[in-house]
């Protein structure tokens, strides 16, 4: 096992941090907080390089697009937002869930986005068309976990109903 050591701390959020992830190229770390912001951090100089303040509700989860040029956020206010990381602006807003969005996950191709909500549904969005594509009604409670297979041919979900689809 390799030795690990502490490198640095990033601390500009003013409330709990709910999610943090490296970008696909590992040059940026994104973080979301109960302070209703999503921050982008430079790994190289450990500085905040952008803050998205247009977030309503807190963001319990987000995912980087496979290209690293876009970020999808799911929010407690039932919305999903796609953010352009090159221009630091909102690209798309989806408000189709009727409960808080717990998870979002990009398809490996980058053409689709999967979301999981407390309303018990999974939604697939066609990012090329910019519209909802399909809704799955398989859970009887909150959907808390989702993932695509590495090929993108399948996805799995788990929820508070103790089901795995």
C-alpha atoms as a PDB file:
ATOM      1  CA  UNK A   1       0.000   0.000   0.000  1.00  0.00           C
ATOM      2  CA  UNK A   2       1.324   3.454  -0.831  1.00  0.00           C
ATOM      3  CA  UNK A   3       1.817   6.070   1.856  1.00  0.00           C
ATOM      4  CA  UNK A   4      -0.621   8.920   1.815  1.00  0.00           C
ATOM      5  CA  UNK A   5      -0.108  12.390   3.190  1.00  0.00           C
ATOM      6  CA  UNK A   6      -2.256  15.463   3.679  1.00  0.00           C
ATOM      7  CA  UNK A   7      -1.727  18.001   0.876  1.00  0.00           C
ATOM      8  CA  UNK A   8      -4.088  20.940   1.438  1.00  0.00           C
ATOM      9  CA  UNK A   9      -7.474  22.071   2.734  1.00  0.00           C
ATOM     10  CA  UNK A  10     -10.074  24.103   0.829  1.00  0.00           C
ATOM     11  CA  UNK A  11     -12.365  26.018   3.153  1.00  0.00           C
ATOM     12  CA  UNK A  12     -14.488  28.834   1.716  1.00  0.00           C
ATOM     13  CA  UNK A  13     -17.889  27.195   2.212  1.00  0.00           C
ATOM     14  CA  UNK A  14     -19.858  28.472   5.217  1.00  0.00           C
ATOM     15  CA  UNK A  15     -21.931  25.336   5.825  1.00  0.00           C
ATOM     16  CA  UNK A  16     -21.708  21.557   5.423  1.00  0.00           C
ATOM     17  CA  UNK A  17     -20.040  20.276   2.271  1.00  0.00           C
ATOM     18  CA  UNK A  18     -22.337  17.669   0.684  1.00  0.00           C
ATOM     19  CA  UNK A  19     -20.318  16.525  -2.319  1.00  0.00           C
ATOM     20  CA  UNK A  20     -16.848  16.941  -3.798  1.00  0.00           C
ATOM     21  CA  UNK A  21     -15.381  15.446  -6.954  1.00  0.00           C
ATOM     22  CA  UNK A  22     -12.380  15.718  -9.210  1.00  0.00           C
ATOM     23  CA  UNK A  23     -12.901  16.731 -12.832  1.00  0.00           C
ATOM     24  CA  UNK A  24     -12.071  14.018 -15.407  1.00  0.00           C
ATOM     25  CA  UNK A  25      -8.605  15.555 -15.977  1.00  0.00           C
ATOM     26  CA  UNK A  26      -8.050  15.933 -12.176  1.00  0.00           C
ATOM     27  CA  UNK A  27      -7.169  19.633 -12.556  1.00  0.00           C
ATOM     28  CA  UNK A  28     -10.327  20.934 -10.842  1.00  0.00           C
ATOM     29  CA  UNK A  29     -12.213  19.933  -7.709  1.00  0.00           C
ATOM     30  CA  UNK A  30     -15.879  20.886  -7.459  1.00  0.00           C
ATOM     31  CA  UNK A  31     -17.679  21.098  -4.118  1.00  0.00           C
ATOM     32  CA  UNK A  32     -21.281  21.732  -3.101  1.00  0.00           C
ATOM     33  CA  UNK A  33     -22.549  22.892   0.245  1.00  0.00           C
ATOM     34  CA  UNK A  34     -25.622  23.633   2.317  1.00  0.00           C
ATOM     35  CA  UNK A  35     -24.619  27.285   1.802  1.00  0.00           C
ATOM     36  CA  UNK A  36     -26.353  26.877  -1.609  1.00  0.00           C
ATOM     37  CA  UNK A  37     -23.186  27.293  -3.658  1.00  0.00           C
ATOM     38  CA  UNK A  38     -21.119  25.104  -5.933  1.00  0.00           C
ATOM     39  CA  UNK A  39     -17.439  26.023  -6.027  1.00  0.00           C
ATOM     40  CA  UNK A  40     -14.705  25.126  -8.494  1.00  0.00           C
ATOM     41  CA  UNK A  41     -11.160  24.857  -7.139  1.00  0.00           C
ATOM     42  CA  UNK A  42      -7.833  24.770  -8.941  1.00  0.00           C
ATOM     43  CA  UNK A  43      -5.834  21.759  -7.786  1.00  0.00           C
ATOM     44  CA  UNK A  44      -2.612  23.423  -8.945  1.00  0.00           C
ATOM     45  CA  UNK A  45      -2.872  26.574  -6.802  1.00  0.00           C
ATOM     46  CA  UNK A  46      -5.598  25.504  -4.292  1.00  0.00           C
ATOM     47  CA  UNK A  47      -7.708  28.603  -5.041  1.00  0.00           C
ATOM     48  CA  UNK A  48     -11.428  28.941  -5.694  1.00  0.00           C
ATOM     49  CA  UNK A  49     -11.684  29.756  -9.405  1.00  0.00           C
ATOM     50  CA  UNK A  50     -15.469  30.160  -9.610  1.00  0.00           C
ATOM     51  CA  UNK A  51     -18.578  30.068  -7.433  1.00  0.00           C
ATOM     52  CA  UNK A  52     -22.021  29.284  -8.812  1.00  0.00           C
ATOM     53  CA  UNK A  53     -24.418  31.286  -6.611  1.00  0.00           C
ATOM     54  CA  UNK A  54     -27.496  30.700  -8.772  1.00  0.00           C
ATOM     55  CA  UNK A  55     -28.177  27.444  -6.958  1.00  0.00           C
ATOM     56  CA  UNK A  56     -31.558  27.297  -5.196  1.00  0.00           C
ATOM     57  CA  UNK A  57     -31.802  24.737  -2.450  1.00  0.00           C
ATOM     58  CA  UNK A  58     -28.660  22.888  -1.510  1.00  0.00           C
ATOM     59  CA  UNK A  59     -26.958  20.479  -3.910  1.00  0.00           C
ATOM     60  CA  UNK A  60     -26.492  17.024  -2.371  1.00  0.00           C
ATOM     61  CA  UNK A  61     -24.878  15.632  -5.524  1.00  0.00           C
ATOM     62  CA  UNK A  62     -23.366  16.591  -8.863  1.00  0.00           C
ATOM     63  CA  UNK A  63     -21.418  14.966 -11.667  1.00  0.00           C
ATOM     64  CA  UNK A  64     -18.868  16.085 -14.229  1.00  0.00           C
ATOM     65  CA  UNK A  65     -19.609  15.502 -17.907  1.00  0.00           C
ATOM     66  CA  UNK A  66     -17.053  13.031 -19.350  1.00  0.00           C
ATOM     67  CA  UNK A  67     -15.510  15.917 -21.354  1.00  0.00           C
ATOM     68  CA  UNK A  68     -15.003  17.934 -18.161  1.00  0.00           C
ATOM     69  CA  UNK A  69     -16.673  20.966 -19.779  1.00  0.00           C
ATOM     70  CA  UNK A  70     -20.016  20.678 -18.004  1.00  0.00           C
ATOM     71  CA  UNK A  71     -21.333  20.002 -14.508  1.00  0.00           C
ATOM     72  CA  UNK A  72     -24.800  18.640 -13.677  1.00  0.00           C
ATOM     73  CA  UNK A  73     -26.269  19.495 -10.272  1.00  0.00           C
ATOM     74  CA  UNK A  74     -29.270  17.975  -8.536  1.00  0.00           C
ATOM     75  CA  UNK A  75     -30.963  20.092  -5.896  1.00  0.00           C
ATOM     76  CA  UNK A  76     -33.304  19.854  -2.928  1.00  0.00           C
ATOM     77  CA  UNK A  77     -35.595  22.299  -4.779  1.00  0.00           C
ATOM     78  CA  UNK A  78     -36.427  19.487  -7.281  1.00  0.00           C
ATOM     79  CA  UNK A  79     -34.325  20.935 -10.104  1.00  0.00           C
ATOM     80  CA  UNK A  80     -31.443  19.744 -12.236  1.00  0.00           C
ATOM     81  CA  UNK A  81     -29.078  22.277 -13.750  1.00  0.00           C
ATOM     82  CA  UNK A  82     -26.348  21.904 -16.344  1.00  0.00           C
ATOM     83  CA  UNK A  83     -23.468  24.369 -16.024  1.00  0.00           C
ATOM     84  CA  UNK A  84     -20.992  25.316 -18.761  1.00  0.00           C
ATOM     85  CA  UNK A  85     -17.593  25.291 -17.049  1.00  0.00           C
ATOM     86  CA  UNK A  86     -15.823  27.111 -19.904  1.00  0.00           C
ATOM     87  CA  UNK A  87     -18.136  30.146 -19.758  1.00  0.00           C
ATOM     88  CA  UNK A  88     -19.276  29.664 -16.119  1.00  0.00           C
ATOM     89  CA  UNK A  89     -22.949  29.970 -16.987  1.00  0.00           C
ATOM     90  CA  UNK A  90     -26.173  27.994 -16.807  1.00  0.00           C
ATOM     91  CA  UNK A  91     -26.778  25.881 -19.933  1.00  0.00           C
ATOM     92  CA  UNK A  92     -30.021  24.099 -19.104  1.00  0.00           C
ATOM     93  CA  UNK A  93     -32.559  23.818 -16.313  1.00  0.00           C
ATOM     94  CA  UNK A  94     -34.886  20.843 -15.804  1.00  0.00           C
ATOM     95  CA  UNK A  95     -37.724  20.961 -13.289  1.00  0.00           C
ATOM     96  CA  UNK A  96     -39.442  17.627 -13.957  1.00  0.00           C
ATOM     97  CA  UNK A  97     -39.082  15.900 -10.566  1.00  0.00           C
ATOM     98  CA  UNK A  98     -41.708  16.364  -7.849  1.00  0.00           C
ATOM     99  CA  UNK A  99     -39.267  15.721  -5.001  1.00  0.00           C
ATOM    100  CA  UNK A 100     -35.678  16.652  -4.143  1.00  0.00           C
ATOM    101  CA  UNK A 101     -33.048  15.317  -6.550  1.00  0.00           C
ATOM    102  CA  UNK A 102     -30.665  12.990  -4.695  1.00  0.00           C
ATOM    103  CA  UNK A 103     -28.237  11.943  -7.450  1.00  0.00           C
ATOM    104  CA  UNK A 104     -27.270  12.770 -11.027  1.00  0.00           C
ATOM    105  CA  UNK A 105     -25.037  10.722 -13.304  1.00  0.00           C
ATOM    106  CA  UNK A 106     -23.806  11.265 -16.869  1.00  0.00           C
ATOM    107  CA  UNK A 107     -23.914   8.412 -19.371  1.00  0.00           C
ATOM    108  CA  UNK A 108     -20.348   7.462 -20.433  1.00  0.00           C
ATOM    109  CA  UNK A 109     -21.061   8.873 -23.928  1.00  0.00           C
ATOM    110  CA  UNK A 110     -22.046  12.234 -22.437  1.00  0.00           C
ATOM    111  CA  UNK A 111     -25.289  12.263 -24.454  1.00  0.00           C
ATOM    112  CA  UNK A 112     -27.622  11.376 -21.584  1.00  0.00           C
ATOM    113  CA  UNK A 113     -28.067  12.299 -17.927  1.00  0.00           C
ATOM    114  CA  UNK A 114     -29.714  10.057 -15.325  1.00  0.00           C
ATOM    115  CA  UNK A 115     -31.294  11.490 -12.170  1.00  0.00           C
ATOM    116  CA  UNK A 116     -32.706   9.946  -8.987  1.00  0.00           C
ATOM    117  CA  UNK A 117     -35.259  11.640  -6.768  1.00  0.00           C
ATOM    118  CA  UNK A 118     -37.109  11.358  -3.492  1.00  0.00           C
ATOM    119  CA  UNK A 119     -40.279  11.227  -5.630  1.00  0.00           C
ATOM    120  CA  UNK A 120     -39.348   7.583  -6.386  1.00  0.00           C
ATOM    121  CA  UNK A 121     -38.522   8.153 -10.045  1.00  0.00           C
ATOM    122  CA  UNK A 122     -35.474   7.914 -12.246  1.00  0.00           C
ATOM    123  CA  UNK A 123     -35.365  10.272 -15.211  1.00  0.00           C
ATOM    124  CA  UNK A 124     -33.204  10.094 -18.291  1.00  0.00           C
ATOM    125  CA  UNK A 125     -32.530  13.334 -20.161  1.00  0.00           C
ATOM    126  CA  UNK A 126     -31.422  13.557 -23.789  1.00  0.00           C
ATOM    127  CA  UNK A 127     -28.715  16.225 -23.669  1.00  0.00           C
ATOM    128  CA  UNK A 128     -28.487  16.539 -27.455  1.00  0.00           C
ATOM    129  CA  UNK A 129     -32.192  17.411 -27.732  1.00  0.00           C
ATOM    130  CA  UNK A 130     -32.212  19.193 -24.360  1.00  0.00           C
ATOM    131  CA  UNK A 131     -35.325  17.394 -23.184  1.00  0.00           C
ATOM    132  CA  UNK A 132     -36.553  14.634 -20.866  1.00  0.00           C
ATOM    133  CA  UNK A 133     -36.285  11.268 -22.616  1.00  0.00           C
ATOM    134  CA  UNK A 134     -37.695   8.607 -20.293  1.00  0.00           C
ATOM    135  CA  UNK A 135     -39.043   8.155 -16.755  1.00  0.00           C
ATOM    136  CA  UNK A 136     -38.683   4.949 -14.712  1.00  0.00           C
ATOM    137  CA  UNK A 137     -41.294   4.323 -11.997  1.00  0.00           C
ATOM    138  CA  UNK A 138     -39.754   1.196 -10.416  1.00  0.00           C
ATOM    139  CA  UNK A 139     -39.155   2.328  -6.831  1.00  0.00           C
ATOM    140  CA  UNK A 140     -41.738   2.654  -4.066  1.00  0.00           C
ATOM    141  CA  UNK A 141     -39.704   5.209  -2.122  1.00  0.00           C
ATOM    142  CA  UNK A 142     -36.847   7.648  -2.442  1.00  0.00           C
ATOM    143  CA  UNK A 143     -34.165   6.712  -4.990  1.00  0.00           C
ATOM    144  CA  UNK A 144     -30.816   7.248  -3.292  1.00  0.00           C
ATOM    145  CA  UNK A 145     -28.190   5.740  -5.573  1.00  0.00           C
ATOM    146  CA  UNK A 146     -27.595   5.414  -9.345  1.00  0.00           C
ATOM    147  CA  UNK A 147     -24.776   4.376 -11.656  1.00  0.00           C
ATOM    148  CA  UNK A 148     -24.237   3.547 -15.321  1.00  0.00           C
ATOM    149  CA  UNK A 149     -22.202   0.505 -16.302  1.00  0.00           C
ATOM    150  CA  UNK A 150     -18.838   1.355 -17.879  1.00  0.00           C
ATOM    151  CA  UNK A 151     -20.253   0.574 -21.343  1.00  0.00           C
ATOM    152  CA  UNK A 152     -23.408   2.614 -20.727  1.00  0.00           C
ATOM    153  CA  UNK A 153     -25.628  -0.301 -21.783  1.00  0.00           C
ATOM    154  CA  UNK A 154     -27.155  -0.626 -18.308  1.00  0.00           C
ATOM    155  CA  UNK A 155     -27.747   1.379 -15.179  1.00  0.00           C
ATOM    156  CA  UNK A 156     -28.507   0.402 -11.601  1.00  0.00           C
ATOM    157  CA  UNK A 157     -30.438   2.178  -8.869  1.00  0.00           C
ATOM    158  CA  UNK A 158     -31.089   1.663  -5.190  1.00  0.00           C
ATOM    159  CA  UNK A 159     -33.508   3.290  -2.811  1.00  0.00           C
ATOM    160  CA  UNK A 160     -35.144   3.578   0.573  1.00  0.00           C
ATOM    161  CA  UNK A 161     -37.574   0.826  -0.455  1.00  0.00           C
ATOM    162  CA  UNK A 162     -34.662  -1.650  -0.166  1.00  0.00           C
ATOM    163  CA  UNK A 163     -34.921  -2.381  -3.892  1.00  0.00           C
ATOM    164  CA  UNK A 164     -32.152  -2.572  -6.422  1.00  0.00           C
ATOM    165  CA  UNK A 165     -33.225  -2.096 -10.051  1.00  0.00           C
END
